[in-house]
Amino acid sequence: MQSEKVVIVTGGSSGIGKAAALRFAREGNKVFVTGRRPGPIEETIAEHTNIAGMVADAASAEDAKRTIAKTVDLWGRVDALVNNAGAGAILPLADATADRIRDILSVNVLGPSLLASAALPHLTATRGTIVNVSSTFGHKPVAGLSHYAASKAALEHLTRCWALELAPLGIRVNAVAAGPTESGALTGMMGLSPEQAAAIKEQERARIPLGRRGVPDDLAEWIVRLSSPASEWMTGQVVAVDGGLGLA
């Protein structure tokens, strides 16, 4: 990216989001990160002088407006929005409840929509970019994760629809579909025990054609690339970065 771009990264205090925020910052860009926990936000801010941030709920309309307003107050513009914050759960259909389904869809579908809408005037002014972070399971069926997978499928289709809608404004919209990544999501977002997480990791490694799970920098590389002038003739695309899992 060109120097001094202003980038917002949701879920920017851990995993893929933190890796992307640090990569943007090290390339000379100003980065505003959000997340639900103050401690990790403060730790991320402390890692680079180009990073600022605040606690925000990705599913809150009010927090979406606050995120954009704070970023513009600090740096006067928004050039790129990375919708990385996510929610999920191992949720067999027999166990599905309205609240659990709503929690997943609120973060993975409603949240990116609210934030993109709030950022739209500023992205229009800068002819900016949106990068949505999806999952292999947004396009590959999987048992027990149906509502998480459906929410990511929705995010991928939002990516394509927004790309068409916003192209006349000069705004590009793309997505990165992440494969299984060492981000703490299994014991955090998915709520598994360390033993359960270890077993799933081993199963995933055996299924991934390239033989390993991803690391956050694998995804950060593509998030930054899709936000850069190097991708200026690319929009509406979902780039799978998953070691070939989507083919298996």
C-alpha atoms as a PDB file:
ATOM      1  CA  MET A   1       0.000   0.000   0.000  1.00  0.00           C
ATOM      2  CA  GLN A   2       1.035   3.588  -0.399  1.00  0.00           C
ATOM      3  CA  SER A   3       2.405   5.298   2.701  1.00  0.00           C
ATOM      4  CA  GLU A   4       0.014   6.735   5.263  1.00  0.00           C
ATOM      5  CA  LYS A   5      -3.105   4.870   4.266  1.00  0.00           C
ATOM      6  CA  VAL A   6      -5.658   4.526   7.074  1.00  0.00           C
ATOM      7  CA  VAL A   7      -6.895   0.991   7.724  1.00  0.00           C
ATOM      8  CA  ILE A   8      -9.535  -0.377  10.126  1.00  0.00           C
ATOM      9  CA  VAL A   9      -9.162  -4.011  11.250  1.00  0.00           C
ATOM     10  CA  THR A  10     -11.921  -5.583  13.343  1.00  0.00           C
ATOM     11  CA  GLY A  11     -10.876  -8.417  15.596  1.00  0.00           C
ATOM     12  CA  GLY A  12      -7.464  -6.813  15.328  1.00  0.00           C
ATOM     13  CA  SER A  13      -6.064  -7.797  18.713  1.00  0.00           C
ATOM     14  CA  SER A  14      -5.344 -11.480  18.079  1.00  0.00           C
ATOM     15  CA  GLY A  15      -4.751 -14.096  15.409  1.00  0.00           C
ATOM     16  CA  ILE A  16      -5.229 -13.144  11.771  1.00  0.00           C
ATOM     17  CA  GLY A  17      -6.454  -9.643  12.582  1.00  0.00           C
ATOM     18  CA  LYS A  18      -3.435  -8.797  14.715  1.00  0.00           C
ATOM     19  CA  ALA A  19      -1.039 -10.168  12.106  1.00  0.00           C
ATOM     20  CA  ALA A  20      -2.707  -8.049   9.426  1.00  0.00           C
ATOM     21  CA  ALA A  21      -2.700  -4.942  11.622  1.00  0.00           C
ATOM     22  CA  LEU A  22       1.015  -5.295  12.337  1.00  0.00           C
ATOM     23  CA  ARG A  23       1.829  -5.887   8.685  1.00  0.00           C
ATOM     24  CA  PHE A  24      -0.124  -2.800   7.623  1.00  0.00           C
ATOM     25  CA  ALA A  25       1.551  -0.738  10.361  1.00  0.00           C
ATOM     26  CA  ARG A  26       5.075  -1.891   9.464  1.00  0.00           C
ATOM     27  CA  GLU A  27       4.454  -0.790   5.886  1.00  0.00           C
ATOM     28  CA  GLY A  28       3.834   2.754   7.114  1.00  0.00           C
ATOM     29  CA  ASN A  29       0.056   2.772   7.337  1.00  0.00           C
ATOM     30  CA  LYS A  30      -2.106   3.993  10.215  1.00  0.00           C
ATOM     31  CA  VAL A  31      -4.184   1.165  11.678  1.00  0.00           C
ATOM     32  CA  PHE A  32      -7.231   1.270  13.947  1.00  0.00           C
ATOM     33  CA  VAL A  33      -8.049  -2.056  15.601  1.00  0.00           C
ATOM     34  CA  THR A  34     -11.151  -3.127  17.476  1.00  0.00           C
ATOM     35  CA  GLY A  35     -11.962  -6.097  19.666  1.00  0.00           C
ATOM     36  CA  ARG A  36     -14.048  -7.071  22.668  1.00  0.00           C
ATOM     37  CA  ARG A  37     -11.288  -7.309  25.305  1.00  0.00           C
ATOM     38  CA  PRO A  38      -9.324  -4.247  26.470  1.00  0.00           C
ATOM     39  CA  GLY A  39      -6.170  -6.162  27.444  1.00  0.00           C
ATOM     40  CA  PRO A  40      -5.346  -7.588  24.008  1.00  0.00           C
ATOM     41  CA  ILE A  41      -6.265  -4.270  22.372  1.00  0.00           C
ATOM     42  CA  GLU A  42      -3.777  -2.444  24.607  1.00  0.00           C
ATOM     43  CA  GLU A  43      -1.099  -5.062  23.923  1.00  0.00           C
ATOM     44  CA  THR A  44      -1.542  -4.705  20.158  1.00  0.00           C
ATOM     45  CA  ILE A  45      -1.397  -0.906  20.336  1.00  0.00           C
ATOM     46  CA  ALA A  46       1.840  -1.186  22.321  1.00  0.00           C
ATOM     47  CA  GLU A  47       3.494  -3.223  19.560  1.00  0.00           C
ATOM     48  CA  HIS A  48       3.613  -0.411  16.989  1.00  0.00           C
ATOM     49  CA  THR A  49       3.292   3.362  17.092  1.00  0.00           C
ATOM     50  CA  ASN A  50       1.104   3.336  13.968  1.00  0.00           C
ATOM     51  CA  ILE A  51      -1.657   1.368  15.732  1.00  0.00           C
ATOM     52  CA  ALA A  52      -4.550   2.793  17.756  1.00  0.00           C
ATOM     53  CA  GLY A  53      -7.773   1.122  18.786  1.00  0.00           C
ATOM     54  CA  MET A  54     -10.719   0.706  21.106  1.00  0.00           C
ATOM     55  CA  VAL A  55     -13.017  -1.905  22.584  1.00  0.00           C
ATOM     56  CA  ALA A  56     -16.006  -2.475  20.301  1.00  0.00           C
ATOM     57  CA  ASP A  57     -18.676  -5.069  19.684  1.00  0.00           C
ATOM     58  CA  ALA A  58     -18.564  -6.058  16.010  1.00  0.00           C
ATOM     59  CA  ALA A  59     -22.332  -6.641  16.000  1.00  0.00           C
ATOM     60  CA  SER A  60     -23.252  -3.219  17.417  1.00  0.00           C
ATOM     61  CA  ALA A  61     -24.574  -0.488  15.117  1.00  0.00           C
ATOM     62  CA  GLU A  62     -23.529   2.144  17.645  1.00  0.00           C
ATOM     63  CA  ASP A  63     -20.003   0.742  17.913  1.00  0.00           C
ATOM     64  CA  ALA A  64     -19.741   0.662  14.113  1.00  0.00           C
ATOM     65  CA  LYS A  65     -20.435   4.402  14.001  1.00  0.00           C
ATOM     66  CA  ARG A  66     -18.026   5.011  16.897  1.00  0.00           C
ATOM     67  CA  THR A  67     -15.278   3.030  15.172  1.00  0.00           C
ATOM     68  CA  ILE A  68     -15.519   5.086  11.993  1.00  0.00           C
ATOM     69  CA  ALA A  69     -15.851   8.388  13.867  1.00  0.00           C
ATOM     70  CA  LYS A  70     -12.826   7.690  16.067  1.00  0.00           C
ATOM     71  CA  THR A  71     -10.684   6.668  13.100  1.00  0.00           C
ATOM     72  CA  VAL A  72     -11.619   9.801  11.164  1.00  0.00           C
ATOM     73  CA  ASP A  73     -11.035  11.971  14.239  1.00  0.00           C
ATOM     74  CA  LEU A  74      -7.530  10.540  14.549  1.00  0.00           C
ATOM     75  CA  TRP A  75      -6.404  10.500  10.925  1.00  0.00           C
ATOM     76  CA  GLY A  76      -9.047  12.238   8.804  1.00  0.00           C
ATOM     77  CA  ARG A  77      -9.887   9.431   6.409  1.00  0.00           C
ATOM     78  CA  VAL A  78     -10.527   5.718   5.864  1.00  0.00           C
ATOM     79  CA  ASP A  79      -8.768   3.932   2.993  1.00  0.00           C
ATOM     80  CA  ALA A  80      -9.376   0.281   3.828  1.00  0.00           C
ATOM     81  CA  LEU A  81     -11.754  -1.722   5.983  1.00  0.00           C
ATOM     82  CA  VAL A  82     -10.882  -5.278   7.015  1.00  0.00           C
ATOM     83  CA  ASN A  83     -13.895  -7.159   8.393  1.00  0.00           C
ATOM     84  CA  ASN A  84     -12.017  -9.838  10.320  1.00  0.00           C
ATOM     85  CA  ALA A  85     -13.983 -10.210  13.582  1.00  0.00           C
ATOM     86  CA  GLY A  86     -15.803 -13.519  13.669  1.00  0.00           C
ATOM     87  CA  ALA A  87     -18.001 -15.732  15.797  1.00  0.00           C
ATOM     88  CA  GLY A  88     -18.671 -19.435  15.583  1.00  0.00           C
ATOM     89  CA  ALA A  89     -19.554 -22.565  17.466  1.00  0.00           C
ATOM     90  CA  ILE A  90     -19.722 -26.283  16.940  1.00  0.00           C
ATOM     91  CA  LEU A  91     -23.503 -26.388  16.724  1.00  0.00           C
ATOM     92  CA  PRO A  92     -25.277 -29.540  15.546  1.00  0.00           C
ATOM     93  CA  LEU A  93     -28.768 -28.853  14.267  1.00  0.00           C
ATOM     94  CA  ALA A  94     -30.301 -30.722  17.216  1.00  0.00           C
ATOM     95  CA  ASP A  95     -28.678 -28.226  19.601  1.00  0.00           C
ATOM     96  CA  ALA A  96     -29.451 -25.058  17.635  1.00  0.00           C
ATOM     97  CA  THR A  97     -31.306 -22.293  19.462  1.00  0.00           C
ATOM     98  CA  ALA A  98     -32.413 -18.877  18.266  1.00  0.00           C
ATOM     99  CA  ASP A  99     -29.893 -17.131  20.521  1.00  0.00           C
ATOM    100  CA  ARG A 100     -26.916 -19.230  19.396  1.00  0.00           C
ATOM    101  CA  ILE A 101     -27.772 -18.801  15.709  1.00  0.00           C
ATOM    102  CA  ARG A 102     -28.345 -15.092  16.212  1.00  0.00           C
ATOM    103  CA  ASP A 103     -24.976 -14.658  17.944  1.00  0.00           C
ATOM    104  CA  ILE A 104     -23.125 -16.143  14.955  1.00  0.00           C
ATOM    105  CA  LEU A 105     -25.018 -14.235  12.291  1.00  0.00           C
ATOM    106  CA  SER A 106     -24.817 -10.968  14.223  1.00  0.00           C
ATOM    107  CA  VAL A 107     -21.016 -10.924  14.183  1.00  0.00           C
ATOM    108  CA  ASN A 108     -20.356 -12.580  10.816  1.00  0.00           C
ATOM    109  CA  VAL A 109     -23.067 -10.978   8.659  1.00  0.00           C
ATOM    110  CA  LEU A 110     -24.689  -8.056  10.463  1.00  0.00           C
ATOM    111  CA  GLY A 111     -21.410  -6.655  11.809  1.00  0.00           C
ATOM    112  CA  PRO A 112     -19.543  -6.351   8.492  1.00  0.00           C
ATOM    113  CA  SER A 113     -22.659  -4.862   6.897  1.00  0.00           C
ATOM    114  CA  LEU A 114     -23.044  -2.192   9.576  1.00  0.00           C
ATOM    115  CA  LEU A 115     -19.372  -1.240   9.516  1.00  0.00           C
ATOM    116  CA  ALA A 116     -19.142  -1.133   5.718  1.00  0.00           C
ATOM    117  CA  SER A 117     -22.252   1.056   5.596  1.00  0.00           C
ATOM    118  CA  ALA A 118     -20.856   3.443   8.216  1.00  0.00           C
ATOM    119  CA  ALA A 119     -17.521   3.624   6.380  1.00  0.00           C
ATOM    120  CA  LEU A 120     -19.051   4.093   2.943  1.00  0.00           C
ATOM    121  CA  PRO A 121     -18.852   7.918   2.680  1.00  0.00           C
ATOM    122  CA  HIS A 122     -15.186   7.825   3.677  1.00  0.00           C
ATOM    123  CA  LEU A 123     -14.314   4.904   1.411  1.00  0.00           C
ATOM    124  CA  THR A 124     -16.044   6.741  -1.425  1.00  0.00           C
ATOM    125  CA  ALA A 125     -13.893   9.805  -0.786  1.00  0.00           C
ATOM    126  CA  THR A 126     -10.684   7.746  -0.936  1.00  0.00           C
ATOM    127  CA  ARG A 127     -11.803   5.197  -3.558  1.00  0.00           C
ATOM    128  CA  GLY A 128     -10.942   2.669  -0.905  1.00  0.00           C
ATOM    129  CA  THR A 129     -11.165  -1.073  -0.362  1.00  0.00           C
ATOM    130  CA  ILE A 130     -13.018  -3.612   1.752  1.00  0.00           C
ATOM    131  CA  VAL A 131     -11.547  -7.008   2.591  1.00  0.00           C
ATOM    132  CA  ASN A 132     -13.834  -9.540   4.266  1.00  0.00           C
ATOM    133  CA  VAL A 133     -12.357 -12.533   6.085  1.00  0.00           C
ATOM    134  CA  SER A 134     -14.302 -15.695   5.315  1.00  0.00           C
ATOM    135  CA  SER A 135     -13.499 -19.380   5.758  1.00  0.00           C
ATOM    136  CA  THR A 136     -12.976 -22.487   3.660  1.00  0.00           C
ATOM    137  CA  PHE A 137     -16.322 -23.551   5.095  1.00  0.00           C
ATOM    138  CA  GLY A 138     -18.015 -20.603   3.435  1.00  0.00           C
ATOM    139  CA  HIS A 139     -17.968 -22.722   0.269  1.00  0.00           C
ATOM    140  CA  LYS A 140     -17.140 -26.260   1.531  1.00  0.00           C
ATOM    141  CA  PRO A 141     -19.858 -28.142   3.455  1.00  0.00           C
ATOM    142  CA  VAL A 142     -19.033 -29.412   6.919  1.00  0.00           C
ATOM    143  CA  ALA A 143     -21.113 -31.278   9.482  1.00  0.00           C
ATOM    144  CA  GLY A 144     -21.699 -29.652  12.862  1.00  0.00           C
ATOM    145  CA  LEU A 145     -20.758 -26.145  11.740  1.00  0.00           C
ATOM    146  CA  SER A 146     -23.752 -25.408   9.527  1.00  0.00           C
ATOM    147  CA  HIS A 147     -24.653 -21.986  10.898  1.00  0.00           C
ATOM    148  CA  TYR A 148     -21.034 -20.804  11.038  1.00  0.00           C
ATOM    149  CA  ALA A 149     -20.528 -22.073   7.480  1.00  0.00           C
ATOM    150  CA  ALA A 150     -23.762 -20.446   6.294  1.00  0.00           C
ATOM    151  CA  SER A 151     -22.728 -17.124   7.839  1.00  0.00           C
ATOM    152  CA  LYS A 152     -19.428 -17.230   5.946  1.00  0.00           C
ATOM    153  CA  ALA A 153     -21.236 -18.203   2.729  1.00  0.00           C
ATOM    154  CA  ALA A 154     -23.382 -15.111   3.263  1.00  0.00           C
ATOM    155  CA  LEU A 155     -20.259 -12.984   3.771  1.00  0.00           C
ATOM    156  CA  GLU A 156     -18.759 -14.286   0.537  1.00  0.00           C
ATOM    157  CA  HIS A 157     -21.914 -13.404  -1.375  1.00  0.00           C
ATOM    158  CA  LEU A 158     -22.052  -9.975   0.269  1.00  0.00           C
ATOM    159  CA  THR A 159     -18.500  -9.545  -1.060  1.00  0.00           C
ATOM    160  CA  ARG A 160     -19.636 -10.225  -4.636  1.00  0.00           C
ATOM    161  CA  CYS A 161     -22.774  -8.108  -4.372  1.00  0.00           C
ATOM    162  CA  TRP A 162     -20.980  -5.152  -2.792  1.00  0.00           C
ATOM    163  CA  ALA A 163     -18.264  -5.363  -5.436  1.00  0.00           C
ATOM    164  CA  LEU A 164     -20.886  -4.776  -8.139  1.00  0.00           C
ATOM    165  CA  GLU A 165     -22.741  -2.123  -6.172  1.00  0.00           C
ATOM    166  CA  LEU A 166     -19.663  -0.130  -5.152  1.00  0.00           C
ATOM    167  CA  ALA A 167     -17.559  -0.424  -8.315  1.00  0.00           C
ATOM    168  CA  PRO A 168     -19.063   2.791  -9.762  1.00  0.00           C
ATOM    169  CA  LEU A 169     -17.748   4.562  -6.632  1.00  0.00           C
ATOM    170  CA  GLY A 170     -14.257   3.209  -7.208  1.00  0.00           C
ATOM    171  CA  ILE A 171     -14.445   0.950  -4.139  1.00  0.00           C
ATOM    172  CA  ARG A 172     -13.077  -2.576  -4.478  1.00  0.00           C
ATOM    173  CA  VAL A 173     -14.439  -5.433  -2.340  1.00  0.00           C
ATOM    174  CA  ASN A 174     -12.703  -8.798  -2.002  1.00  0.00           C
ATOM    175  CA  ALA A 175     -12.464 -11.590   0.553  1.00  0.00           C
ATOM    176  CA  VAL A 176      -9.889 -14.004   1.925  1.00  0.00           C
ATOM    177  CA  ALA A 177     -11.216 -17.453   2.813  1.00  0.00           C
ATOM    178  CA  ALA A 178      -9.041 -18.756   5.618  1.00  0.00           C
ATOM    179  CA  GLY A 179      -8.366 -22.408   6.159  1.00  0.00           C
ATOM    180  CA  PRO A 180      -7.673 -23.820   9.641  1.00  0.00           C
ATOM    181  CA  THR A 181      -5.238 -21.364  11.211  1.00  0.00           C
ATOM    182  CA  GLU A 182      -3.243 -21.299  14.450  1.00  0.00           C
ATOM    183  CA  SER A 183      -5.200 -18.390  15.904  1.00  0.00           C
ATOM    184  CA  GLY A 184      -6.622 -19.775  19.140  1.00  0.00           C
ATOM    185  CA  ALA A 185     -10.111 -19.966  17.628  1.00  0.00           C
ATOM    186  CA  LEU A 186     -10.729 -23.584  18.620  1.00  0.00           C
ATOM    187  CA  THR A 187     -10.298 -22.986  22.348  1.00  0.00           C
ATOM    188  CA  GLY A 188     -11.589 -19.411  22.166  1.00  0.00           C
ATOM    189  CA  MET A 189     -14.379 -18.844  19.659  1.00  0.00           C
ATOM    190  CA  MET A 190     -15.341 -22.521  19.366  1.00  0.00           C
ATOM    191  CA  GLY A 191     -15.104 -23.205  23.105  1.00  0.00           C
ATOM    192  CA  LEU A 192     -13.229 -26.506  22.933  1.00  0.00           C
ATOM    193  CA  SER A 193     -10.965 -27.938  25.609  1.00  0.00           C
ATOM    194  CA  PRO A 194      -7.235 -28.028  24.821  1.00  0.00           C
ATOM    195  CA  GLU A 195      -7.495 -31.809  24.348  1.00  0.00           C
ATOM    196  CA  GLN A 196     -10.434 -31.496  21.932  1.00  0.00           C
ATOM    197  CA  ALA A 197      -8.643 -28.732  20.029  1.00  0.00           C
ATOM    198  CA  ALA A 198      -5.482 -30.848  19.704  1.00  0.00           C
ATOM    199  CA  ALA A 199      -7.468 -33.755  18.281  1.00  0.00           C
ATOM    200  CA  ILE A 200      -9.200 -31.545  15.715  1.00  0.00           C
ATOM    201  CA  LYS A 201      -5.903 -29.932  14.716  1.00  0.00           C
ATOM    202  CA  GLU A 202      -4.429 -33.353  13.998  1.00  0.00           C
ATOM    203  CA  GLN A 203      -7.473 -34.328  11.927  1.00  0.00           C
ATOM    204  CA  GLU A 204      -7.218 -31.084   9.961  1.00  0.00           C
ATOM    205  CA  ARG A 205      -3.502 -31.509   9.277  1.00  0.00           C
ATOM    206  CA  ALA A 206      -4.234 -34.950   7.850  1.00  0.00           C
ATOM    207  CA  ARG A 207      -6.873 -33.507   5.476  1.00  0.00           C
ATOM    208  CA  ILE A 208      -4.965 -30.443   4.246  1.00  0.00           C
ATOM    209  CA  PRO A 209      -3.119 -31.279   1.007  1.00  0.00           C
ATOM    210  CA  LEU A 210      -0.108 -29.102   1.876  1.00  0.00           C
ATOM    211  CA  GLY A 211       0.216 -30.931   5.180  1.00  0.00           C
ATOM    212  CA  ARG A 212      -0.026 -28.154   7.752  1.00  0.00           C
ATOM    213  CA  ARG A 213      -2.426 -25.714   9.362  1.00  0.00           C
ATOM    214  CA  GLY A 214      -2.011 -22.053   8.518  1.00  0.00           C
ATOM    215  CA  VAL A 215      -0.399 -19.336  10.592  1.00  0.00           C
ATOM    216  CA  PRO A 216      -1.831 -15.803  10.845  1.00  0.00           C
ATOM    217  CA  ASP A 217       0.832 -14.325   8.554  1.00  0.00           C
ATOM    218  CA  ASP A 218      -0.315 -16.637   5.730  1.00  0.00           C
ATOM    219  CA  LEU A 219      -3.603 -14.749   5.717  1.00  0.00           C
ATOM    220  CA  ALA A 220      -2.219 -11.316   6.602  1.00  0.00           C
ATOM    221  CA  GLU A 221      -0.118 -11.399   3.432  1.00  0.00           C
ATOM    222  CA  TRP A 222      -3.235 -11.664   1.272  1.00  0.00           C
ATOM    223  CA  ILE A 223      -5.313  -9.200   3.277  1.00  0.00           C
ATOM    224  CA  VAL A 224      -2.642  -6.556   2.749  1.00  0.00           C
ATOM    225  CA  ARG A 225      -2.176  -7.527  -0.899  1.00  0.00           C
ATOM    226  CA  LEU A 226      -5.885  -7.224  -1.674  1.00  0.00           C
ATOM    227  CA  SER A 227      -5.864  -3.766  -0.075  1.00  0.00           C
ATOM    228  CA  SER A 228      -2.929  -2.558  -2.154  1.00  0.00           C
ATOM    229  CA  PRO A 229      -2.600  -0.911  -5.587  1.00  0.00           C
ATOM    230  CA  ALA A 230      -1.153  -4.232  -6.802  1.00  0.00           C
ATOM    231  CA  SER A 231      -4.753  -5.541  -6.790  1.00  0.00           C
ATOM    232  CA  GLU A 232      -6.368  -2.422  -8.254  1.00  0.00           C
ATOM    233  CA  TRP A 233      -8.079  -4.361 -11.098  1.00  0.00           C
ATOM    234  CA  MET A 234      -9.441  -7.054  -8.802  1.00  0.00           C
ATOM    235  CA  THR A 235     -12.859  -6.959  -7.153  1.00  0.00           C
ATOM    236  CA  GLY A 236     -15.587  -9.387  -6.118  1.00  0.00           C
ATOM    237  CA  GLN A 237     -13.128 -12.228  -5.586  1.00  0.00           C
ATOM    238  CA  VAL A 238     -12.834 -14.751  -2.767  1.00  0.00           C
ATOM    239  CA  VAL A 239      -9.215 -15.891  -2.452  1.00  0.00           C
ATOM    240  CA  ALA A 240      -8.878 -19.239  -0.695  1.00  0.00           C
ATOM    241  CA  VAL A 241      -5.756 -19.405   1.476  1.00  0.00           C
ATOM    242  CA  ASP A 242      -6.186 -22.840   3.006  1.00  0.00           C
ATOM    243  CA  GLY A 243      -3.389 -25.200   1.966  1.00  0.00           C
ATOM    244  CA  GLY A 244      -5.715 -26.786  -0.574  1.00  0.00           C
ATOM    245  CA  LEU A 245      -8.355 -27.880   1.969  1.00  0.00           C
ATOM    246  CA  GLY A 246     -11.161 -26.568  -0.220  1.00  0.00           C
ATOM    247  CA  LEU A 247     -10.114 -29.061  -2.901  1.00  0.00           C
ATOM    248  CA  ALA A 248      -9.943 -32.078  -0.619  1.00  0.00           C
END
